[in-house]
Amino acid sequence: MRIGPGLTLVVVGAVLAFAVRDTFHAVDLTALGIIIMLGGAAGIWLTYRLSNRTRHGDEEVLEPDVERQYSIKPPQQRIADEPIDVTPRTRSRR
């Protein structure tokens, strides 16, 4: 159950518990509405718990050689021996 159906159950249960004033001899609508609201709240809570669980002990450990292969290090910068000429050159027209 996702959050949407859980909220729907809470709303339907609240309507049955607090807004409907009909009476049936076999069914207490107030109690039924509260039960439906609790079911919706439990569904929302369960959805939250299952979607936000953390994994403990499932981390994959890489061997040092493999980890060294994937390590990201910036390349060493080399300083030019001579200055680089960046002046714009003119194109010769043909």
PDB file of N, CA and C in Angstrom:
ATOM      1  N   MET A   1       0.849  -1.162   0.000  1.00  0.00           N
ATOM      2  CA  MET A   1       0.000   0.000   0.000  1.00  0.00           C
ATOM      3  C   MET A   1       0.898   1.229   0.000  1.00  0.00           C
ATOM      4  N   ARG A   2       0.567   2.170  -0.783  1.00  0.00           N
ATOM      5  CA  ARG A   2       1.308   3.427  -0.811  1.00  0.00           C
ATOM      6  C   ARG A   2       0.582   4.454   0.038  1.00  0.00           C
ATOM      7  N   ILE A   3       1.098   5.668   0.031  1.00  0.00           N
ATOM      8  CA  ILE A   3       0.540   6.702   0.904  1.00  0.00           C
ATOM      9  C   ILE A   3      -0.854   7.130   0.442  1.00  0.00           C
ATOM     10  N   GLY A   4      -1.090   7.166  -0.866  1.00  0.00           N
ATOM     11  CA  GLY A   4      -2.403   7.587  -1.388  1.00  0.00           C
ATOM     12  C   GLY A   4      -3.559   6.729  -0.897  1.00  0.00           C
ATOM     13  N   PRO A   5      -3.489   5.394  -1.061  1.00  0.00           N
ATOM     14  CA  PRO A   5      -4.572   4.560  -0.530  1.00  0.00           C
ATOM     15  C   PRO A   5      -4.690   4.637   0.985  1.00  0.00           C
ATOM     16  N   GLY A   6      -3.579   4.811   1.682  1.00  0.00           N
ATOM     17  CA  GLY A   6      -3.637   4.949   3.135  1.00  0.00           C
ATOM     18  C   GLY A   6      -4.386   6.210   3.545  1.00  0.00           C
ATOM     19  N   LEU A   7      -4.090   7.320   2.853  1.00  0.00           N
ATOM     20  CA  LEU A   7      -4.817   8.559   3.134  1.00  0.00           C
ATOM     21  C   LEU A   7      -6.298   8.431   2.783  1.00  0.00           C
ATOM     22  N   THR A   8      -6.586   7.707   1.715  1.00  0.00           N
ATOM     23  CA  THR A   8      -7.986   7.492   1.337  1.00  0.00           C
ATOM     24  C   THR A   8      -8.722   6.722   2.423  1.00  0.00           C
ATOM     25  N   LEU A   9      -8.087   5.695   2.981  1.00  0.00           N
ATOM     26  CA  LEU A   9      -8.719   4.940   4.063  1.00  0.00           C
ATOM     27  C   LEU A   9      -8.929   5.813   5.298  1.00  0.00           C
ATOM     28  N   VAL A  10      -7.987   6.675   5.601  1.00  0.00           N
ATOM     29  CA  VAL A  10      -8.146   7.562   6.753  1.00  0.00           C
ATOM     30  C   VAL A  10      -9.331   8.505   6.534  1.00  0.00           C
ATOM     31  N   VAL A  11      -9.446   9.052   5.328  1.00  0.00           N
ATOM     32  CA  VAL A  11     -10.549   9.984   5.042  1.00  0.00           C
ATOM     33  C   VAL A  11     -11.893   9.269   5.067  1.00  0.00           C
ATOM     34  N   VAL A  12     -11.975   8.102   4.444  1.00  0.00           N
ATOM     35  CA  VAL A  12     -13.238   7.346   4.440  1.00  0.00           C
ATOM     36  C   VAL A  12     -13.616   6.941   5.865  1.00  0.00           C
ATOM     37  N   GLY A  13     -12.638   6.526   6.637  1.00  0.00           N
ATOM     38  CA  GLY A  13     -12.916   6.166   8.030  1.00  0.00           C
ATOM     39  C   GLY A  13     -13.384   7.360   8.841  1.00  0.00           C
ATOM     40  N   ALA A  14     -12.784   8.533   8.603  1.00  0.00           N
ATOM     41  CA  ALA A  14     -13.211   9.732   9.332  1.00  0.00           C
ATOM     42  C   ALA A  14     -14.630  10.130   8.946  1.00  0.00           C
ATOM     43  N   VAL A  15     -14.957   9.993   7.681  1.00  0.00           N
ATOM     44  CA  VAL A  15     -16.328  10.308   7.254  1.00  0.00           C
ATOM     45  C   VAL A  15     -17.314   9.347   7.917  1.00  0.00           C
ATOM     46  N   LEU A  16     -16.989   8.071   7.929  1.00  0.00           N
ATOM     47  CA  LEU A  16     -17.887   7.106   8.563  1.00  0.00           C
ATOM     48  C   LEU A  16     -17.989   7.343  10.069  1.00  0.00           C
ATOM     49  N   ALA A  17     -16.888   7.680  10.701  1.00  0.00           N
ATOM     50  CA  ALA A  17     -16.894   7.819  12.154  1.00  0.00           C
ATOM     51  C   ALA A  17     -17.549   9.123  12.610  1.00  0.00           C
ATOM     52  N   PHE A  18     -17.334  10.205  11.895  1.00  0.00           N
ATOM     53  CA  PHE A  18     -17.758  11.492  12.417  1.00  0.00           C
ATOM     54  C   PHE A  18     -18.875  12.173  11.636  1.00  0.00           C
ATOM     55  N   ALA A  19     -19.123  11.796  10.382  1.00  0.00           N
ATOM     56  CA  ALA A  19     -20.100  12.521   9.569  1.00  0.00           C
ATOM     57  C   ALA A  19     -21.389  11.744   9.339  1.00  0.00           C
ATOM     58  N   VAL A  20     -21.322  10.435   9.300  1.00  0.00           N
ATOM     59  CA  VAL A  20     -22.523   9.639   9.004  1.00  0.00           C
ATOM     60  C   VAL A  20     -23.283   9.416  10.306  1.00  0.00           C
ATOM     61  N   ARG A  21     -24.580   9.742  10.295  1.00  0.00           N
ATOM     62  CA  ARG A  21     -25.400   9.591  11.493  1.00  0.00           C
ATOM     63  C   ARG A  21     -26.470   8.507  11.348  1.00  0.00           C
ATOM     64  N   ASP A  22     -26.374   7.697  10.310  1.00  0.00           N
ATOM     65  CA  ASP A  22     -27.310   6.588  10.177  1.00  0.00           C
ATOM     66  C   ASP A  22     -26.971   5.515  11.197  1.00  0.00           C
ATOM     67  N   THR A  23     -27.956   4.739  11.550  1.00  0.00           N
ATOM     68  CA  THR A  23     -27.715   3.657  12.498  1.00  0.00           C
ATOM     69  C   THR A  23     -28.178   2.344  11.882  1.00  0.00           C
ATOM     70  N   PHE A  24     -27.379   1.328  12.104  1.00  0.00           N
ATOM     71  CA  PHE A  24     -27.735  -0.027  11.734  1.00  0.00           C
ATOM     72  C   PHE A  24     -27.671  -0.862  13.001  1.00  0.00           C
ATOM     73  N   HIS A  25     -28.535  -1.841  13.101  1.00  0.00           N
ATOM     74  CA  HIS A  25     -28.532  -2.665  14.302  1.00  0.00           C
ATOM     75  C   HIS A  25     -27.333  -3.605  14.342  1.00  0.00           C
ATOM     76  N   ALA A  26     -26.843  -4.007  13.181  1.00  0.00           N
ATOM     77  CA  ALA A  26     -25.757  -4.982  13.145  1.00  0.00           C
ATOM     78  C   ALA A  26     -24.370  -4.342  13.118  1.00  0.00           C
ATOM     79  N   VAL A  27     -24.262  -3.080  12.652  1.00  0.00           N
ATOM     80  CA  VAL A  27     -22.956  -2.467  12.461  1.00  0.00           C
ATOM     81  C   VAL A  27     -22.918  -1.109  13.161  1.00  0.00           C
ATOM     82  N   ASP A  28     -21.887  -0.883  13.952  1.00  0.00           N
ATOM     83  CA  ASP A  28     -21.654   0.426  14.548  1.00  0.00           C
ATOM     84  C   ASP A  28     -20.722   1.196  13.605  1.00  0.00           C
ATOM     85  N   LEU A  29     -21.263   2.205  12.914  1.00  0.00           N
ATOM     86  CA  LEU A  29     -20.477   2.921  11.911  1.00  0.00           C
ATOM     87  C   LEU A  29     -19.334   3.729  12.520  1.00  0.00           C
ATOM     88  N   THR A  30     -19.496   4.206  13.744  1.00  0.00           N
ATOM     89  CA  THR A  30     -18.414   4.940  14.394  1.00  0.00           C
ATOM     90  C   THR A  30     -17.224   4.021  14.638  1.00  0.00           C
ATOM     91  N   ALA A  31     -17.479   2.834  15.156  1.00  0.00           N
ATOM     92  CA  ALA A  31     -16.389   1.879  15.399  1.00  0.00           C
ATOM     93  C   ALA A  31     -15.773   1.418  14.081  1.00  0.00           C
ATOM     94  N   LEU A  32     -16.595   1.168  13.071  1.00  0.00           N
ATOM     95  CA  LEU A  32     -16.090   0.767  11.765  1.00  0.00           C
ATOM     96  C   LEU A  32     -15.208   1.860  11.162  1.00  0.00           C
ATOM     97  N   GLY A  33     -15.621   3.127  11.288  1.00  0.00           N
ATOM     98  CA  GLY A  33     -14.821   4.241  10.777  1.00  0.00           C
ATOM     99  C   GLY A  33     -13.486   4.350  11.485  1.00  0.00           C
ATOM    100  N   ILE A  34     -13.468   4.150  12.802  1.00  0.00           N
ATOM    101  CA  ILE A  34     -12.211   4.214  13.544  1.00  0.00           C
ATOM    102  C   ILE A  34     -11.294   3.063  13.148  1.00  0.00           C
ATOM    103  N   ILE A  35     -11.857   1.890  12.937  1.00  0.00           N
ATOM    104  CA  ILE A  35     -11.052   0.740  12.508  1.00  0.00           C
ATOM    105  C   ILE A  35     -10.443   0.998  11.129  1.00  0.00           C
ATOM    106  N   ILE A  36     -11.230   1.567  10.215  1.00  0.00           N
ATOM    107  CA  ILE A  36     -10.712   1.875   8.880  1.00  0.00           C
ATOM    108  C   ILE A  36      -9.635   2.951   8.960  1.00  0.00           C
ATOM    109  N   MET A  37      -9.815   3.960   9.812  1.00  0.00           N
ATOM    110  CA  MET A  37      -8.801   4.991   9.986  1.00  0.00           C
ATOM    111  C   MET A  37      -7.506   4.402  10.531  1.00  0.00           C
ATOM    112  N   LEU A  38      -7.601   3.506  11.492  1.00  0.00           N
ATOM    113  CA  LEU A  38      -6.402   2.865  12.034  1.00  0.00           C
ATOM    114  C   LEU A  38      -5.703   2.013  10.980  1.00  0.00           C
ATOM    115  N   GLY A  39      -6.478   1.342  10.131  1.00  0.00           N
ATOM    116  CA  GLY A  39      -5.883   0.561   9.039  1.00  0.00           C
ATOM    117  C   GLY A  39      -5.150   1.449   8.052  1.00  0.00           C
ATOM    118  N   GLY A  40      -5.727   2.600   7.717  1.00  0.00           N
ATOM    119  CA  GLY A  40      -5.061   3.539   6.824  1.00  0.00           C
ATOM    120  C   GLY A  40      -3.795   4.113   7.439  1.00  0.00           C
ATOM    121  N   ALA A  41      -3.854   4.441   8.729  1.00  0.00           N
ATOM    122  CA  ALA A  41      -2.669   4.959   9.415  1.00  0.00           C
ATOM    123  C   ALA A  41      -1.576   3.901   9.477  1.00  0.00           C
ATOM    124  N   ALA A  42      -1.963   2.658   9.712  1.00  0.00           N
ATOM    125  CA  ALA A  42      -0.977   1.567   9.731  1.00  0.00           C
ATOM    126  C   ALA A  42      -0.366   1.373   8.351  1.00  0.00           C
ATOM    127  N   GLY A  43      -1.159   1.504   7.305  1.00  0.00           N
ATOM    128  CA  GLY A  43      -0.629   1.393   5.949  1.00  0.00           C
ATOM    129  C   GLY A  43       0.349   2.498   5.621  1.00  0.00           C
ATOM    130  N   ILE A  44       0.052   3.725   6.047  1.00  0.00           N
ATOM    131  CA  ILE A  44       0.969   4.848   5.821  1.00  0.00           C
ATOM    132  C   ILE A  44       2.268   4.620   6.582  1.00  0.00           C
ATOM    133  N   TRP A  45       2.155   4.206   7.830  1.00  0.00           N
ATOM    134  CA  TRP A  45       3.352   3.956   8.648  1.00  0.00           C
ATOM    135  C   TRP A  45       4.203   2.844   8.052  1.00  0.00           C
ATOM    136  N   LEU A  46       3.555   1.774   7.620  1.00  0.00           N
ATOM    137  CA  LEU A  46       4.282   0.643   7.040  1.00  0.00           C
ATOM    138  C   LEU A  46       4.968   1.049   5.742  1.00  0.00           C
ATOM    139  N   THR A  47       4.307   1.839   4.932  1.00  0.00           N
ATOM    140  CA  THR A  47       4.917   2.332   3.694  1.00  0.00           C
ATOM    141  C   THR A  47       6.139   3.180   4.000  1.00  0.00           C
ATOM    142  N   TYR A  48       6.029   4.047   4.999  1.00  0.00           N
ATOM    143  CA  TYR A  48       7.157   4.892   5.375  1.00  0.00           C
ATOM    144  C   TYR A  48       8.320   4.049   5.878  1.00  0.00           C
ATOM    145  N   ARG A  49       8.047   3.071   6.718  1.00  0.00           N
ATOM    146  CA  ARG A  49       9.107   2.236   7.283  1.00  0.00           C
ATOM    147  C   ARG A  49       9.795   1.397   6.207  1.00  0.00           C
ATOM    148  N   LEU A  50       9.042   0.850   5.281  1.00  0.00           N
ATOM    149  CA  LEU A  50       9.640  -0.007   4.256  1.00  0.00           C
ATOM    150  C   LEU A  50      10.405   0.795   3.213  1.00  0.00           C
ATOM    151  N   SER A  51       9.989   2.015   2.948  1.00  0.00           N
ATOM    152  CA  SER A  51      10.683   2.794   1.925  1.00  0.00           C
ATOM    153  C   SER A  51      11.912   3.509   2.480  1.00  0.00           C
ATOM    154  N   ASN A  52      12.023   3.663   3.782  1.00  0.00           N
ATOM    155  CA  ASN A  52      13.143   4.391   4.371  1.00  0.00           C
ATOM    156  C   ASN A  52      14.039   3.509   5.229  1.00  0.00           C
ATOM    157  N   ARG A  53      14.018   2.227   4.999  1.00  0.00           N
ATOM    158  CA  ARG A  53      14.876   1.370   5.817  1.00  0.00           C
ATOM    159  C   ARG A  53      16.320   1.488   5.347  1.00  0.00           C
ATOM    160  N   THR A  54      17.213   1.368   6.287  1.00  0.00           N
ATOM    161  CA  THR A  54      18.637   1.439   5.978  1.00  0.00           C
ATOM    162  C   THR A  54      19.212   0.039   5.983  1.00  0.00           C
ATOM    163  N   ARG A  55      20.212  -0.138   5.189  1.00  0.00           N
ATOM    164  CA  ARG A  55      20.844  -1.451   5.088  1.00  0.00           C
ATOM    165  C   ARG A  55      22.086  -1.460   5.956  1.00  0.00           C
ATOM    166  N   HIS A  56      22.171  -2.413   6.827  1.00  0.00           N
ATOM    167  CA  HIS A  56      23.338  -2.557   7.679  1.00  0.00           C
ATOM    168  C   HIS A  56      24.025  -3.867   7.327  1.00  0.00           C
ATOM    169  N   GLY A  57      25.308  -3.791   7.058  1.00  0.00           N
ATOM    170  CA  GLY A  57      26.064  -4.997   6.773  1.00  0.00           C
ATOM    171  C   GLY A  57      26.000  -5.443   5.327  1.00  0.00           C
ATOM    172  N   ASP A  58      25.333  -4.708   4.473  1.00  0.00           N
ATOM    173  CA  ASP A  58      25.225  -5.099   3.072  1.00  0.00           C
ATOM    174  C   ASP A  58      26.247  -4.385   2.192  1.00  0.00           C
ATOM    175  N   GLU A  59      27.151  -3.626   2.812  1.00  0.00           N
ATOM    176  CA  GLU A  59      28.117  -2.899   2.013  1.00  0.00           C
ATOM    177  C   GLU A  59      29.085  -3.869   1.355  1.00  0.00           C
ATOM    178  N   GLU A  60      29.388  -3.573   0.128  1.00  0.00           N
ATOM    179  CA  GLU A  60      30.323  -4.409  -0.607  1.00  0.00           C
ATOM    180  C   GLU A  60      31.728  -3.843  -0.423  1.00  0.00           C
ATOM    181  N   VAL A  61      32.631  -4.687   0.036  1.00  0.00           N
ATOM    182  CA  VAL A  61      33.993  -4.253   0.291  1.00  0.00           C
ATOM    183  C   VAL A  61      34.850  -4.613  -0.921  1.00  0.00           C
ATOM    184  N   LEU A  62      35.563  -3.614  -1.435  1.00  0.00           N
ATOM    185  CA  LEU A  62      36.437  -3.840  -2.578  1.00  0.00           C
ATOM    186  C   LEU A  62      37.831  -4.197  -2.089  1.00  0.00           C
ATOM    187  N   GLU A  63      38.503  -5.005  -2.865  1.00  0.00           N
ATOM    188  CA  GLU A  63      39.892  -5.316  -2.553  1.00  0.00           C
ATOM    189  C   GLU A  63      40.737  -4.075  -2.803  1.00  0.00           C
ATOM    190  N   PRO A  64      41.867  -3.926  -2.106  1.00  0.00           N
ATOM    191  CA  PRO A  64      42.664  -2.698  -2.253  1.00  0.00           C
ATOM    192  C   PRO A  64      43.099  -2.418  -3.688  1.00  0.00           C
ATOM    193  N   ASP A  65      43.437  -3.477  -4.462  1.00  0.00           N
ATOM    194  CA  ASP A  65      43.857  -3.242  -5.846  1.00  0.00           C
ATOM    195  C   ASP A  65      42.711  -2.696  -6.688  1.00  0.00           C
ATOM    196  N   VAL A  66      41.521  -3.229  -6.487  1.00  0.00           N
ATOM    197  CA  VAL A  66      40.359  -2.769  -7.245  1.00  0.00           C
ATOM    198  C   VAL A  66      39.974  -1.367  -6.797  1.00  0.00           C
ATOM    199  N   GLU A  67      40.054  -1.111  -5.497  1.00  0.00           N
ATOM    200  CA  GLU A  67      39.717   0.215  -4.993  1.00  0.00           C
ATOM    201  C   GLU A  67      40.695   1.266  -5.525  1.00  0.00           C
ATOM    202  N   ARG A  68      41.951   0.925  -5.636  1.00  0.00           N
ATOM    203  CA  ARG A  68      42.944   1.839  -6.180  1.00  0.00           C
ATOM    204  C   ARG A  68      42.637   2.153  -7.643  1.00  0.00           C
ATOM    205  N   GLN A  69      42.070   1.184  -8.352  1.00  0.00           N
ATOM    206  CA  GLN A  69      41.740   1.378  -9.762  1.00  0.00           C
ATOM    207  C   GLN A  69      40.627   2.415  -9.916  1.00  0.00           C
ATOM    208  N   TYR A  70      39.696   2.460  -8.958  1.00  0.00           N
ATOM    209  CA  TYR A  70      38.564   3.375  -9.061  1.00  0.00           C
ATOM    210  C   TYR A  70      38.758   4.671  -8.295  1.00  0.00           C
ATOM    211  N   SER A  71      39.898   4.861  -7.675  1.00  0.00           N
ATOM    212  CA  SER A  71      40.105   6.100  -6.931  1.00  0.00           C
ATOM    213  C   SER A  71      40.284   7.254  -7.917  1.00  0.00           C
ATOM    214  N   ILE A  72      39.765   8.387  -7.544  1.00  0.00           N
ATOM    215  CA  ILE A  72      39.805   9.547  -8.424  1.00  0.00           C
ATOM    216  C   ILE A  72      40.818  10.535  -7.847  1.00  0.00           C
ATOM    217  N   LYS A  73      41.850  10.779  -8.595  1.00  0.00           N
ATOM    218  CA  LYS A  73      42.858  11.750  -8.198  1.00  0.00           C
ATOM    219  C   LYS A  73      43.007  12.758  -9.332  1.00  0.00           C
ATOM    220  N   PRO A  74      43.157  14.023  -8.979  1.00  0.00           N
ATOM    221  CA  PRO A  74      43.331  15.006 -10.051  1.00  0.00           C
ATOM    222  C   PRO A  74      44.678  14.791 -10.733  1.00  0.00           C
ATOM    223  N   PRO A  75      44.734  14.995 -12.029  1.00  0.00           N
ATOM    224  CA  PRO A  75      46.005  14.830 -12.732  1.00  0.00           C
ATOM    225  C   PRO A  75      47.009  15.879 -12.267  1.00  0.00           C
ATOM    226  N   GLN A  76      48.259  15.488 -12.255  1.00  0.00           N
ATOM    227  CA  GLN A  76      49.288  16.427 -11.842  1.00  0.00           C
ATOM    228  C   GLN A  76      49.453  17.499 -12.920  1.00  0.00           C
ATOM    229  N   GLN A  77      49.522  18.716 -12.457  1.00  0.00           N
ATOM    230  CA  GLN A  77      49.639  19.816 -13.407  1.00  0.00           C
ATOM    231  C   GLN A  77      51.121  20.065 -13.705  1.00  0.00           C
ATOM    232  N   ARG A  78      51.396  20.204 -14.977  1.00  0.00           N
ATOM    233  CA  ARG A  78      52.756  20.506 -15.401  1.00  0.00           C
ATOM    234  C   ARG A  78      52.835  21.965 -15.791  1.00  0.00           C
ATOM    235  N   ILE A  79      53.867  22.607 -15.362  1.00  0.00           N
ATOM    236  CA  ILE A  79      54.069  24.007 -15.706  1.00  0.00           C
ATOM    237  C   ILE A  79      54.859  24.047 -17.007  1.00  0.00           C
ATOM    238  N   ALA A  80      54.374  24.848 -17.933  1.00  0.00           N
ATOM    239  CA  ALA A  80      55.037  24.940 -19.235  1.00  0.00           C
ATOM    240  C   ALA A  80      56.414  25.577 -19.079  1.00  0.00           C
ATOM    241  N   ASP A  81      57.372  25.049 -19.826  1.00  0.00           N
ATOM    242  CA  ASP A  81      58.725  25.606 -19.780  1.00  0.00           C
ATOM    243  C   ASP A  81      58.774  26.988 -20.424  1.00  0.00           C
ATOM    244  N   GLU A  82      57.997  27.162 -21.453  1.00  0.00           N
ATOM    245  CA  GLU A  82      57.978  28.438 -22.147  1.00  0.00           C
ATOM    246  C   GLU A  82      56.556  28.977 -22.111  1.00  0.00           C
ATOM    247  N   PRO A  83      56.399  30.278 -22.113  1.00  0.00           N
ATOM    248  CA  PRO A  83      55.044  30.834 -22.114  1.00  0.00           C
ATOM    249  C   PRO A  83      54.319  30.489 -23.416  1.00  0.00           C
ATOM    250  N   ILE A  84      53.044  30.329 -23.309  1.00  0.00           N
ATOM    251  CA  ILE A  84      52.236  29.970 -24.466  1.00  0.00           C
ATOM    252  C   ILE A  84      51.712  31.252 -25.104  1.00  0.00           C
ATOM    253  N   ASP A  85      51.838  31.366 -26.414  1.00  0.00           N
ATOM    254  CA  ASP A  85      51.376  32.537 -27.134  1.00  0.00           C
ATOM    255  C   ASP A  85      49.880  32.391 -27.401  1.00  0.00           C
ATOM    256  N   VAL A  86      49.078  33.275 -26.838  1.00  0.00           N
ATOM    257  CA  VAL A  86      47.635  33.207 -27.007  1.00  0.00           C
ATOM    258  C   VAL A  86      47.080  34.385 -27.795  1.00  0.00           C
ATOM    259  N   THR A  87      47.930  35.133 -28.454  1.00  0.00           N
ATOM    260  CA  THR A  87      47.452  36.267 -29.247  1.00  0.00           C
ATOM    261  C   THR A  87      46.714  35.752 -30.467  1.00  0.00           C
ATOM    262  N   PRO A  88      45.600  36.390 -30.819  1.00  0.00           N
ATOM    263  CA  PRO A  88      44.841  35.921 -31.971  1.00  0.00           C
ATOM    264  C   PRO A  88      45.621  36.140 -33.270  1.00  0.00           C
ATOM    265  N   ARG A  89      45.500  35.197 -34.146  1.00  0.00           N
ATOM    266  CA  ARG A  89      46.173  35.308 -35.446  1.00  0.00           C
ATOM    267  C   ARG A  89      45.156  35.765 -36.475  1.00  0.00           C
ATOM    268  N   THR A  90      45.621  36.543 -37.421  1.00  0.00           N
ATOM    269  CA  THR A  90      44.718  37.007 -38.473  1.00  0.00           C
ATOM    270  C   THR A  90      44.710  35.994 -39.591  1.00  0.00           C
ATOM    271  N   ARG A  91      43.573  35.803 -40.172  1.00  0.00           N
ATOM    272  CA  ARG A  91      43.437  34.887 -41.297  1.00  0.00           C
ATOM    273  C   ARG A  91      43.805  35.617 -42.586  1.00  0.00           C
ATOM    274  N   SER A  92      44.483  34.934 -43.413  1.00  0.00           N
ATOM    275  CA  SER A  92      44.789  35.541 -44.712  1.00  0.00           C
ATOM    276  C   SER A  92      43.645  35.207 -45.660  1.00  0.00           C
ATOM    277  N   ARG A  93      43.179  36.212 -46.362  1.00  0.00           N
ATOM    278  CA  ARG A  93      42.072  36.001 -47.299  1.00  0.00           C
ATOM    279  C   ARG A  93      42.605  35.547 -48.626  1.00  0.00           C
ATOM    280  N   ARG A  94      41.983  34.624 -49.210  1.00  0.00           N
ATOM    281  CA  ARG A  94      42.409  34.105 -50.501  1.00  0.00           C
ATOM    282  C   ARG A  94      41.591  34.655 -51.616  1.00  0.00           C
TER     283      ARG A  94
END
